[in-house]
């Protein structure tokens, strides 16, 4: 495919529907592209041309979509810097952006005014910072000739979510992005010119950018773009928007599916969900009960049992590397949880005392190979893909370590079973307690099913000192419990049953206290930092040792 074809000839027929605060703004793609041409001329006059980089902080607004396309038309590479995250002070965020820009050496920085206000003077005094509307830039006279990045040129720098460390800039070429678009088309059974994609995911995240916006634009789909803030205030709007616009494809996280299912209640979806073919679910550990409950709940509105589509991917591969075929039902397997922690894949009956059910992330997608090591064991997932990044921009040491010989060492742990990938956790989620290995994500998944614990709001961290292990469980409770002790006891019992280890302490935190990435993943390394620095104000704490 020619990724920039629609940018340069304006032949699209699809419509962009963007939430503009009170309602959706409706604009044909060809009109969006025409607006982008005018903005691109101004960017060219401001110094954006082939080989330059433009730092961006992407938000889900009509102006952002137009400005994004304009950067490519002018020949620039888009660098998507992280949004502020929960638990991060304004000063910390400003410092993070300043450090990333020093490595990036951009020509401009585009951001909403509210975010620009957080940036330090040492950055803004040297770098022009403009709003997405590009107000203040005059449109030059004379013709403008588009020159988007070539196949092997840098087109996008996708900074990782920062869930486990400082964000890394994944350098993506036009060729890699084109390959990913074709991969997603196969994954979702897409029909160029005949689909409608709905999303609330942040454009700063790879699922929102490549899996939704760019995918819809590249294949001339109608695109319905809401915002993370609107979803957070009213999770029901996600499936309501899909019903209203008779969407065929969407994407989200397991936690978001849980919230939308719970929020749906007895509300009606007048147009139903019969059109929904593919709802790609990823970015975090998948929960079998969440997938099952959503399939049953939304099945009452016509959603196919095959619609929910677990997938696995990462920014370093542009996006997806595996996924359930769009026309097949969910698959899972029941394993011995204790054996799994020891790296052994052992199937057991559902009534086994250590049974744990994992959701399959599907087979490798076209052109992708996945290696997890010896059969029947858990190992690091290694990826080969035509949409791999060139490496981390300005970071040769981490590039050499993570991208050896054209492969990607993901840092994720998983196994292959009957030709499909199961993701267990991350190498940095593996804790060692008294010589015993513990998957933090496995314990968290078992604990957050309690009705008085907010779904996905559990973080296990090891803060041991002087060589002594100390496992602290950080929890955001649901509602206002009168007694925290029973909740803590449930968590301690689940931890002991799942992994044979004892918690040192349960820390109950106010809603929104756990630091997260913009896509919703908990930042475990920042949880540990906030805890050790004494920067948390708990509602209660229960100490066991």
Protein backbone atom coordinates (compact mmCIF):
# COMPACT_ATOMS: atom_id res chain seq x y z
CA UNK A 1 0.00 0.00 0.00
CA UNK A 2 1.05 3.63 -0.39
CA UNK A 3 0.45 5.10 3.05
CA UNK A 4 0.46 8.74 1.98
CA UNK A 5 -1.66 8.34 -1.15
CA UNK A 6 -4.80 9.80 0.44
CA UNK A 7 -2.78 12.70 1.83
CA UNK A 8 -1.52 13.85 -1.52
CA UNK A 9 -4.52 13.28 -3.78
CA UNK A 10 -7.44 13.92 -1.39
CA UNK A 11 -9.49 11.05 -2.84
CA UNK A 12 -10.95 9.75 0.45
CA UNK A 13 -14.70 9.27 0.86
CA UNK A 14 -14.86 8.39 4.56
CA UNK A 15 -15.95 10.75 7.33
CA UNK A 16 -14.12 11.77 10.50
CA UNK A 17 -16.37 12.18 13.54
CA UNK A 18 -14.46 13.82 16.44
CA UNK A 19 -15.85 14.57 19.90
CA UNK A 20 -15.63 18.33 20.31
CA UNK A 21 -16.80 18.75 23.90
CA UNK A 22 -20.59 18.70 23.54
CA UNK A 23 -21.14 16.59 20.45
CA UNK A 24 -19.29 15.08 17.50
CA UNK A 25 -17.88 17.24 14.73
CA UNK A 26 -18.42 15.59 11.33
CA UNK A 27 -15.95 16.23 8.48
CA UNK A 28 -15.21 14.20 5.31
CA UNK A 29 -11.64 12.93 5.24
CA UNK A 30 -11.02 14.82 2.00
CA UNK A 31 -11.90 18.09 3.78
CA UNK A 32 -9.61 17.16 6.71
CA UNK A 33 -6.79 16.56 4.24
CA UNK A 34 -7.48 19.86 2.48
CA UNK A 35 -7.20 21.66 5.83
CA UNK A 36 -3.97 19.75 6.53
CA UNK A 37 -2.49 21.01 3.24
CA UNK A 38 -2.98 24.60 4.37
CA UNK A 39 -1.41 23.89 7.75
CA UNK A 40 1.48 22.03 6.09
CA UNK A 41 2.36 25.10 4.05
CA UNK A 42 2.66 27.10 7.29
CA UNK A 43 4.78 24.37 8.86
CA UNK A 44 7.07 24.33 5.84
CA UNK A 45 7.57 28.09 6.23
CA UNK A 46 8.39 27.47 9.92
CA UNK A 47 11.19 25.08 9.01
CA UNK A 48 9.48 21.68 8.84
CA UNK A 49 10.75 19.79 5.81
CA UNK A 50 12.08 16.32 4.93
CA UNK A 51 14.52 15.11 7.56
CA UNK A 52 13.22 17.29 10.40
CA UNK A 53 11.39 16.13 13.50
CA UNK A 54 8.39 17.69 15.17
CA UNK A 55 7.80 16.96 18.85
CA UNK A 56 4.10 16.50 19.61
CA UNK A 57 1.90 15.85 22.61
CA UNK A 58 -1.12 14.25 21.01
CA UNK A 59 -4.63 14.74 22.34
CA UNK A 60 -7.94 13.63 20.83
CA UNK A 61 -9.06 16.87 19.20
CA UNK A 62 -10.03 17.86 15.63
CA UNK A 63 -7.04 20.22 15.46
CA UNK A 64 -4.64 17.45 16.48
CA UNK A 65 -5.77 15.17 13.65
CA UNK A 66 -5.29 17.93 11.07
CA UNK A 67 -1.94 19.01 12.50
CA UNK A 68 -0.67 15.44 12.58
CA UNK A 69 -1.37 14.93 8.87
CA UNK A 70 0.10 18.34 8.13
CA UNK A 71 3.46 17.40 9.65
CA UNK A 72 3.75 14.45 7.28
CA UNK A 73 2.68 16.54 4.29
CA UNK A 74 5.44 19.02 5.11
CA UNK A 75 7.93 16.14 5.20
CA UNK A 76 8.52 16.02 8.96
CA UNK A 77 8.68 13.01 11.26
CA UNK A 78 6.15 13.02 14.10
CA UNK A 79 7.54 12.34 17.58
CA UNK A 80 4.72 11.44 19.99
CA UNK A 81 5.82 12.42 23.50
CA UNK A 82 4.01 10.98 26.54
CA UNK A 83 1.06 12.73 28.16
CA UNK A 84 1.16 13.54 31.89
CA UNK A 85 0.44 10.46 33.98
CA UNK A 86 -1.34 9.99 37.27
CA UNK A 87 0.91 10.47 40.26
CA UNK A 88 3.35 12.65 38.27
CA UNK A 89 3.84 16.24 39.38
CA UNK A 90 3.82 19.11 36.90
CA UNK A 91 7.53 19.66 37.49
CA UNK A 92 8.36 15.97 36.93
CA UNK A 93 6.40 15.94 33.69
CA UNK A 94 8.03 19.11 32.41
CA UNK A 95 11.45 17.70 33.19
CA UNK A 96 10.60 14.46 31.35
CA UNK A 97 9.54 16.32 28.21
CA UNK A 98 12.66 18.50 28.34
CA UNK A 99 14.96 15.46 28.55
CA UNK A 100 13.19 13.71 25.67
CA UNK A 101 13.39 16.84 23.50
CA UNK A 102 17.13 17.13 24.13
CA UNK A 103 17.59 13.67 22.58
CA UNK A 104 15.10 14.38 19.80
CA UNK A 105 16.38 17.79 18.60
CA UNK A 106 12.99 18.83 17.14
CA UNK A 107 12.21 21.83 14.95
CA UNK A 108 8.94 22.59 16.77
CA UNK A 109 6.79 21.29 19.60
CA UNK A 110 3.01 21.13 19.11
CA UNK A 111 0.77 20.78 22.16
CA UNK A 112 -2.49 22.00 23.67
CA UNK A 113 -2.09 25.20 25.66
CA UNK A 114 -2.94 23.48 28.96
CA UNK A 115 -0.02 21.08 28.47
CA UNK A 116 2.34 23.76 27.15
CA UNK A 117 1.88 25.58 30.46
CA UNK A 118 3.60 22.66 32.24
CA UNK A 119 6.80 22.91 30.21
CA UNK A 120 9.90 24.46 31.83
CA UNK A 121 11.34 27.77 30.65
CA UNK A 122 14.64 26.14 29.72
CA UNK A 123 12.76 24.18 27.05
CA UNK A 124 10.36 26.82 25.74
CA UNK A 125 13.04 29.51 25.54
CA UNK A 126 14.97 27.47 22.94
CA UNK A 127 12.19 25.57 21.17
CA UNK A 128 9.14 27.11 19.46
CA UNK A 129 6.00 25.72 21.12
CA UNK A 130 2.76 26.11 19.17
CA UNK A 131 -0.87 25.03 19.61
CA UNK A 132 -2.30 22.41 17.27
CA UNK A 133 -4.28 25.10 15.46
CA UNK A 134 -0.91 26.62 14.48
CA UNK A 135 -2.26 30.06 15.34
CA UNK A 136 0.54 32.57 15.00
CA UNK A 137 1.95 30.95 11.87
CA UNK A 138 1.10 32.79 8.68
CA UNK A 139 0.22 30.81 5.56
CA UNK A 140 2.86 31.61 2.92
CA UNK A 141 1.95 32.75 -0.56
CA UNK A 142 2.56 30.51 -3.54
CA UNK A 143 2.05 26.81 -4.28
CA UNK A 144 2.83 24.07 -1.76
CA UNK A 145 4.29 20.75 -2.87
CA UNK A 146 3.71 17.87 -0.39
CA UNK A 147 6.74 15.71 0.39
CA UNK A 148 5.80 13.09 3.01
CA UNK A 149 8.50 10.71 4.35
CA UNK A 150 9.71 8.05 1.91
CA UNK A 151 9.51 4.28 2.52
CA UNK A 152 12.77 4.06 4.45
CA UNK A 153 12.58 7.50 6.07
CA UNK A 154 11.79 8.08 9.73
CA UNK A 155 8.06 8.86 9.89
CA UNK A 156 7.10 8.42 13.54
CA UNK A 157 8.81 8.20 16.91
CA UNK A 158 6.50 6.31 19.25
CA UNK A 159 7.52 6.78 22.84
CA UNK A 160 6.69 3.71 24.89
CA UNK A 161 4.05 4.01 27.58
CA UNK A 162 6.56 4.16 30.41
CA UNK A 163 4.85 1.41 32.38
CA UNK A 164 8.18 -0.13 33.43
CA UNK A 165 10.82 2.57 32.89
CA UNK A 166 11.58 5.95 31.35
CA UNK A 167 9.83 6.20 27.95
CA UNK A 168 11.88 5.04 24.96
CA UNK A 169 11.47 6.49 21.47
CA UNK A 170 10.73 3.72 18.97
CA UNK A 171 11.89 4.91 15.53
CA UNK A 172 9.37 3.82 12.87
CA UNK A 173 9.82 4.14 9.12
CA UNK A 174 7.01 4.59 6.61
CA UNK A 175 7.65 1.01 5.44
CA UNK A 176 7.19 -0.38 8.97
CA UNK A 177 3.94 1.55 9.44
CA UNK A 178 2.61 0.37 6.08
CA UNK A 179 3.39 -3.22 7.04
CA UNK A 180 1.48 -2.76 10.29
CA UNK A 181 -1.55 -1.37 8.48
CA UNK A 182 -1.66 -4.53 6.37
CA UNK A 183 -1.24 -6.67 9.48
CA UNK A 184 -4.18 -4.96 11.20
CA UNK A 185 -6.30 -5.33 8.06
CA UNK A 186 -5.73 -9.08 8.18
CA UNK A 187 -6.26 -9.24 11.95
CA UNK A 188 -9.65 -7.50 11.85
CA UNK A 189 -10.95 -8.69 8.48
CA UNK A 190 -11.04 -5.09 7.32
CA UNK A 191 -12.83 -4.04 4.12
CA UNK A 192 -11.21 -0.92 2.61
CA UNK A 193 -13.75 1.83 2.13
CA UNK A 194 -16.52 -0.10 3.91
CA UNK A 195 -15.84 -0.08 7.68
CA UNK A 196 -16.45 2.23 10.63
CA UNK A 197 -13.87 2.39 13.43
CA UNK A 198 -14.74 3.79 16.88
CA UNK A 199 -12.15 4.72 19.52
CA UNK A 200 -11.71 6.71 22.72
CA UNK A 201 -8.07 5.60 23.19
CA UNK A 202 -5.48 8.39 23.47
CA UNK A 203 -3.76 9.18 20.18
CA UNK A 204 -0.52 9.29 22.17
CA UNK A 205 -0.78 5.49 22.56
CA UNK A 206 0.06 3.04 19.77
CA UNK A 207 -3.39 1.38 19.88
CA UNK A 208 -5.13 4.73 19.48
CA UNK A 209 -2.74 6.06 16.83
CA UNK A 210 -1.97 3.08 14.58
CA UNK A 211 -4.73 0.65 15.51
CA UNK A 212 -7.52 3.21 15.13
CA UNK A 213 -6.79 6.67 13.65
CA UNK A 214 -4.13 5.84 11.07
CA UNK A 215 -5.77 2.51 10.20
CA UNK A 216 -9.10 4.24 9.54
CA UNK A 217 -7.49 7.01 7.51
CA UNK A 218 -5.24 4.68 5.47
CA UNK A 219 -8.14 2.47 4.35
CA UNK A 220 -10.74 5.23 3.99
CA UNK A 221 -12.95 4.07 6.87
CA UNK A 222 -15.39 6.26 8.75
CA UNK A 223 -13.73 7.08 12.06
CA UNK A 224 -15.50 7.98 15.33
CA UNK A 225 -13.01 9.52 17.78
CA UNK A 226 -14.01 10.17 21.38
CA UNK A 227 -11.67 11.00 24.30
CA UNK A 228 -10.20 9.13 27.28
CA UNK A 229 -11.72 11.76 29.58
CA UNK A 230 -15.22 11.17 28.24
CA UNK A 231 -14.81 7.40 28.58
CA UNK A 232 -13.47 7.82 32.12
CA UNK A 233 -16.49 9.90 33.15
CA UNK A 234 -19.00 7.64 31.37
CA UNK A 235 -17.67 4.22 30.27
CA UNK A 236 -21.07 3.44 28.77
CA UNK A 237 -20.36 5.91 25.94
CA UNK A 238 -17.91 3.49 24.27
CA UNK A 239 -20.47 0.87 23.25
CA UNK A 240 -23.18 3.51 22.85
CA UNK A 241 -21.07 5.29 20.21
CA UNK A 242 -20.50 1.98 18.43
CA UNK A 243 -24.23 1.33 18.40
CA UNK A 244 -25.06 4.85 17.20
CA UNK A 245 -22.59 4.75 14.31
CA UNK A 246 -23.04 1.02 13.57
CA UNK A 247 -19.31 0.46 14.01
CA UNK A 248 -17.54 -2.59 12.66
CA UNK A 249 -14.25 -2.27 14.55
CA UNK A 250 -12.89 -0.87 17.81
CA UNK A 251 -10.01 -1.39 20.27
CA UNK A 252 -9.48 -1.12 24.00
CA UNK A 253 -8.11 -2.72 27.14
CA UNK A 254 -9.41 -5.53 29.35
CA UNK A 255 -10.04 -3.07 32.19
CA UNK A 256 -11.98 -0.78 29.85
CA UNK A 257 -14.13 -3.72 28.74
CA UNK A 258 -14.86 -4.49 32.38
CA UNK A 259 -15.83 -0.88 33.12
CA UNK A 260 -18.04 -0.62 30.03
CA UNK A 261 -19.77 -3.92 30.82
CA UNK A 262 -20.46 -2.89 34.41
CA UNK A 263 -21.64 0.59 33.39
CA UNK A 264 -24.02 -0.70 30.74
CA UNK A 265 -26.50 -1.91 33.37
CA UNK A 266 -30.04 -1.91 32.02
CA UNK A 267 -29.43 0.85 29.49
CA UNK A 268 -30.54 0.26 25.93
CA UNK A 269 -28.53 0.32 22.72
CA UNK A 270 -31.27 1.13 20.19
CA UNK A 271 -29.28 0.18 17.08
CA UNK A 272 -27.61 -2.81 18.69
CA UNK A 273 -24.11 -4.12 18.02
CA UNK A 274 -24.74 -6.55 15.18
CA UNK A 275 -22.32 -4.62 12.93
CA UNK A 276 -19.37 -5.03 15.32
CA UNK A 277 -16.97 -7.52 13.76
CA UNK A 278 -13.70 -6.90 15.63
CA UNK A 279 -13.04 -5.42 19.07
CA UNK A 280 -9.28 -5.74 19.52
CA UNK A 281 -8.42 -6.02 23.22
CA UNK A 282 -4.83 -5.67 24.41
CA UNK A 283 -2.24 -3.40 26.11
CA UNK A 284 -2.51 -5.29 29.41
CA UNK A 285 -3.12 -8.73 30.88
CA UNK A 286 -6.43 -10.14 29.65
CA UNK A 287 -8.98 -11.43 32.14
CA UNK A 288 -11.06 -14.45 31.09
CA UNK A 289 -14.07 -13.59 33.26
CA UNK A 290 -14.13 -10.03 31.92
CA UNK A 291 -14.13 -11.31 28.33
CA UNK A 292 -16.84 -13.87 29.09
CA UNK A 293 -19.08 -11.40 30.95
CA UNK A 294 -18.78 -8.81 28.16
CA UNK A 295 -19.58 -11.39 25.49
CA UNK A 296 -22.74 -12.37 27.36
CA UNK A 297 -23.79 -8.82 28.25
CA UNK A 298 -23.36 -7.26 24.84
CA UNK A 299 -24.48 -10.41 23.09
CA UNK A 300 -27.97 -9.38 24.19
CA UNK A 301 -27.60 -6.43 21.78
CA UNK A 302 -26.49 -8.56 18.86
CA UNK A 303 -22.71 -8.54 19.37
CA UNK A 304 -21.21 -11.70 17.87
CA UNK A 305 -19.49 -14.19 20.18
CA UNK A 306 -16.43 -13.83 17.96
CA UNK A 307 -16.25 -10.01 18.25
CA UNK A 308 -13.91 -9.64 21.24
CA UNK A 309 -10.44 -10.17 19.83
CA UNK A 310 -7.51 -10.56 22.25
CA UNK A 311 -4.23 -9.42 20.73
CA UNK A 312 -0.64 -8.83 21.78
CA UNK A 313 1.71 -6.11 20.66
CA UNK A 314 4.14 -3.38 21.64
CA UNK A 315 5.36 0.02 20.45
CA UNK A 316 8.64 -1.51 19.26
CA UNK A 317 6.69 -3.48 16.62
CA UNK A 318 4.53 -0.45 15.71
CA UNK A 319 1.61 -2.32 17.30
CA UNK A 320 0.27 -5.88 16.88
CA UNK A 321 2.28 -9.12 16.55
CA UNK A 322 -0.38 -11.71 17.43
CA UNK A 323 -4.15 -11.84 17.67
CA UNK A 324 -7.22 -14.06 17.68
CA UNK A 325 -8.64 -14.46 14.16
CA UNK A 326 -11.63 -12.13 13.83
CA UNK A 327 -14.06 -14.94 12.96
CA UNK A 328 -13.17 -17.32 15.82
CA UNK A 329 -14.40 -17.42 19.42
CA UNK A 330 -12.23 -16.74 22.46
CA UNK A 331 -9.78 -19.44 23.47
CA UNK A 332 -8.13 -20.08 26.79
CA UNK A 333 -6.40 -22.80 28.75
CA UNK A 334 -6.41 -23.84 32.41
CA UNK A 335 -2.97 -24.27 33.96
CA UNK A 336 -1.32 -25.05 37.27
CA UNK A 337 -0.52 -21.56 38.58
CA UNK A 338 2.30 -22.72 40.84
CA UNK A 339 4.00 -24.65 38.05
CA UNK A 340 3.62 -21.64 35.78
CA UNK A 341 5.55 -19.47 38.24
CA UNK A 342 8.35 -22.02 38.03
CA UNK A 343 8.31 -21.75 34.25
CA UNK A 344 6.45 -24.99 33.53
CA UNK A 345 3.27 -25.09 31.44
CA UNK A 346 1.03 -27.80 32.93
CA UNK A 347 -2.64 -28.11 31.99
CA UNK A 348 -5.02 -29.04 34.81
CA UNK A 349 -8.76 -29.45 35.37
CA UNK A 350 -10.80 -26.35 36.23
CA UNK A 351 -11.40 -27.64 39.78
CA UNK A 352 -7.66 -28.04 40.46
CA UNK A 353 -6.73 -26.14 43.66
CA UNK A 354 -4.07 -24.10 41.83
CA UNK A 355 -5.97 -23.69 38.56
CA UNK A 356 -5.58 -20.44 36.67
CA UNK A 357 -7.20 -19.70 33.30
CA UNK A 358 -5.24 -17.68 30.77
CA UNK A 359 -6.65 -16.05 27.65
CA UNK A 360 -4.94 -16.85 24.35
CA UNK A 361 -3.48 -13.88 22.49
CA UNK A 362 -3.85 -15.77 19.23
CA UNK A 363 -1.32 -16.94 16.66
CA UNK A 364 1.43 -14.82 15.14
CA UNK A 365 0.08 -12.40 12.53
CA UNK A 366 1.10 -12.52 8.83
CA UNK A 367 4.83 -12.00 8.34
CA UNK A 368 5.52 -12.21 12.10
CA UNK A 369 7.40 -14.95 13.93
CA UNK A 370 7.31 -15.38 17.72
CA UNK A 371 9.74 -17.48 19.73
CA UNK A 372 9.18 -18.33 23.40
CA UNK A 373 11.88 -20.97 23.83
CA UNK A 374 11.46 -24.67 24.58
CA UNK A 375 7.95 -26.16 24.26
CA UNK A 376 6.09 -26.52 27.55
CA UNK A 377 8.09 -23.79 29.27
CA UNK A 378 7.78 -20.06 29.89
CA UNK A 379 10.39 -17.90 28.21
CA UNK A 380 11.03 -14.40 26.95
CA UNK A 381 9.02 -13.61 23.82
CA UNK A 382 11.26 -12.73 20.87
CA UNK A 383 9.70 -11.13 17.78
CA UNK A 384 10.56 -10.82 14.11
CA UNK A 385 8.21 -8.56 12.18
CA UNK A 386 8.17 -6.40 9.03
CA UNK A 387 6.87 -3.56 11.22
CA UNK A 388 9.73 -3.54 13.75
CA UNK A 389 11.19 -0.19 14.74
CA UNK A 390 14.71 0.68 13.63
CA UNK A 391 15.60 0.92 17.30
CA UNK A 392 15.36 3.56 20.04
CA UNK A 393 16.09 7.04 18.77
CA UNK A 394 19.27 8.46 20.30
CA UNK A 395 19.81 5.40 22.51
CA UNK A 396 22.29 3.00 20.84
CA UNK A 397 22.97 0.97 24.00
CA UNK A 398 19.35 0.00 24.61
CA UNK A 399 18.87 -0.51 20.88
CA UNK A 400 21.73 -3.01 20.78
CA UNK A 401 20.35 -4.85 23.81
CA UNK A 402 16.72 -5.04 22.67
CA UNK A 403 17.08 -5.32 18.85
CA UNK A 404 19.79 -7.94 18.25
CA UNK A 405 20.14 -9.19 14.65
CA UNK A 406 16.82 -7.85 13.41
CA UNK A 407 14.82 -9.32 16.27
CA UNK A 408 13.09 -7.73 19.24
CA UNK A 409 13.63 -9.03 22.75
CA UNK A 410 10.32 -7.90 24.24
CA UNK A 411 11.01 -8.37 27.94
CA UNK A 412 7.63 -10.14 28.11
CA UNK A 413 7.29 -13.69 29.38
CA UNK A 414 5.01 -16.20 27.70
CA UNK A 415 4.63 -19.57 26.07
CA UNK A 416 3.26 -21.12 22.90
CA UNK A 417 0.39 -23.61 23.18
CA UNK A 418 -1.26 -25.21 20.14
CA UNK A 419 0.24 -22.54 17.92
CA UNK A 420 -1.02 -19.59 19.96
CA UNK A 421 0.75 -17.14 22.27
CA UNK A 422 -0.06 -16.76 25.96
CA UNK A 423 1.50 -13.78 27.75
CA UNK A 424 2.22 -14.37 31.42
CA UNK A 425 3.96 -11.18 32.53
CA UNK A 426 7.17 -9.22 32.19
CA UNK A 427 10.71 -9.97 33.22
CA UNK A 428 10.58 -6.87 35.42
CA UNK A 429 7.33 -8.14 36.99
CA UNK A 430 9.15 -11.24 38.21
CA UNK A 431 9.94 -10.84 41.91
CA UNK A 432 12.13 -13.12 44.00
CA UNK A 433 10.89 -13.63 47.54
CA UNK A 434 12.87 -15.94 49.78
CA UNK A 435 14.27 -17.73 46.75
CA UNK A 436 10.81 -18.20 45.24
CA UNK A 437 9.76 -16.59 41.96
CA UNK A 438 6.56 -14.55 41.99
CA UNK A 439 4.69 -13.14 38.99
CA UNK A 440 3.36 -9.85 40.28
CA UNK A 441 0.70 -9.69 37.54
CA UNK A 442 -0.56 -13.20 38.39
CA UNK A 443 -1.11 -12.26 42.03
CA UNK A 444 -2.70 -8.93 41.11
CA UNK A 445 -5.13 -10.64 38.76
CA UNK A 446 -6.25 -13.05 41.48
CA UNK A 447 -6.72 -10.28 44.04
CA UNK A 448 -8.61 -7.61 42.10
CA UNK A 449 -11.68 -9.82 41.56
CA UNK A 450 -12.84 -8.84 45.06
CA UNK A 451 -16.02 -6.70 44.84
CA UNK A 452 -14.55 -4.07 47.17
CA UNK A 453 -11.41 -3.59 45.05
CA UNK A 454 -11.50 -1.41 41.93
CA UNK A 455 -10.84 -3.53 38.86
CA UNK A 456 -7.26 -3.21 37.67
CA UNK A 457 -6.31 -1.03 40.66
CA UNK A 458 -3.88 -3.35 42.42
CA UNK A 459 -0.09 -3.13 42.35
CA UNK A 460 2.38 -5.45 44.05
CA UNK A 461 5.84 -4.03 44.72
CA UNK A 462 8.94 -5.34 46.42
CA UNK A 463 10.47 -2.72 48.70
CA UNK A 464 12.75 -4.97 50.70
CA UNK A 465 15.72 -3.40 52.47
CA UNK A 466 18.92 -4.87 53.90
CA UNK A 467 18.34 -8.04 51.89
CA UNK A 468 14.99 -8.76 53.57
CA UNK A 469 12.00 -9.27 51.24
CA UNK A 470 9.05 -6.97 51.79
CA UNK A 471 5.99 -7.33 49.55
CA UNK A 472 3.59 -4.40 49.71
CA UNK A 473 0.23 -4.57 48.00
CA UNK A 474 -1.19 -1.20 46.96
CA UNK A 475 -4.98 -1.16 46.49
CA UNK A 476 -7.61 1.36 45.43
CA UNK A 477 -10.81 0.19 47.17
CA UNK A 478 -14.24 0.27 45.56
CA UNK A 479 -16.56 2.69 47.36
CA UNK A 480 -15.92 3.53 51.01
CA UNK A 481 -15.36 0.34 53.02
CA UNK A 482 -16.09 0.59 56.73
CA UNK A 483 -13.52 -2.07 57.52
CA UNK A 484 -10.38 -2.62 55.46
CA UNK A 485 -9.18 -5.70 57.37
CA UNK A 486 -11.38 -8.27 55.54
CA UNK A 487 -10.27 -6.92 52.16
CA UNK A 488 -6.62 -7.13 53.20
CA UNK A 489 -7.14 -10.64 54.53
CA UNK A 490 -8.68 -11.70 51.20
CA UNK A 491 -5.66 -10.27 49.37
CA UNK A 492 -3.19 -11.97 51.69
CA UNK A 493 -4.97 -15.33 51.35
CA UNK A 494 -5.08 -15.03 47.55
CA UNK A 495 -1.37 -14.19 47.43
CA UNK A 496 -0.52 -17.17 49.62
CA UNK A 497 -2.71 -19.53 47.59
CA UNK A 498 -1.44 -18.37 44.20
CA UNK A 499 2.26 -18.04 44.92
CA UNK A 500 2.96 -19.41 48.36
CA UNK A 501 4.29 -16.08 49.61
CA UNK A 502 3.13 -13.80 52.40
CA UNK A 503 2.37 -10.12 52.07
CA UNK A 504 4.13 -7.73 54.39
CA UNK A 505 1.56 -4.98 54.13
CA UNK A 506 -1.63 -3.87 52.37
CA UNK A 507 -1.80 -0.18 51.58
CA UNK A 508 -5.22 1.28 50.70
CA UNK A 509 -5.05 4.41 48.56
CA UNK A 510 -7.53 7.05 47.39
CA UNK A 511 -9.11 6.64 43.97
CA UNK A 512 -6.66 7.70 41.25
CA UNK A 513 -3.55 7.49 43.45
CA UNK A 514 -1.87 4.62 41.60
CA UNK A 515 0.31 6.06 38.81
CA UNK A 516 -0.74 4.95 35.34
CA UNK A 517 0.21 5.47 31.74
CA UNK A 518 -2.32 7.37 29.55
CA UNK A 519 -3.59 4.00 28.26
CA UNK A 520 -4.30 2.82 31.80
CA UNK A 521 -1.39 0.51 32.61
CA UNK A 522 -0.06 0.79 36.16
CA UNK A 523 3.53 2.05 36.35
CA UNK A 524 5.02 -0.37 38.84
CA UNK A 525 8.41 1.35 38.96
CA UNK A 526 6.73 4.65 39.89
CA UNK A 527 4.57 2.89 42.50
CA UNK A 528 7.76 1.69 44.13
CA UNK A 529 9.31 5.14 43.94
CA UNK A 530 6.28 6.90 45.47
CA UNK A 531 6.17 4.33 48.26
CA UNK A 532 9.86 4.45 49.17
CA UNK A 533 9.90 8.26 49.05
CA UNK A 534 6.90 8.49 51.39
CA UNK A 535 4.81 10.47 48.90
CA UNK A 536 1.60 8.49 49.33
CA UNK A 537 -1.22 9.34 51.72
CA UNK A 538 -3.01 6.04 52.41
CA UNK A 539 -6.58 5.68 53.55
CA UNK A 540 -5.52 2.74 55.69
CA UNK A 541 -2.74 0.21 56.06
CA UNK A 542 -2.81 -3.36 57.31
CA UNK A 543 0.56 -4.77 58.39
CA UNK A 544 1.22 -8.51 58.49
CA UNK A 545 4.90 -8.67 59.36
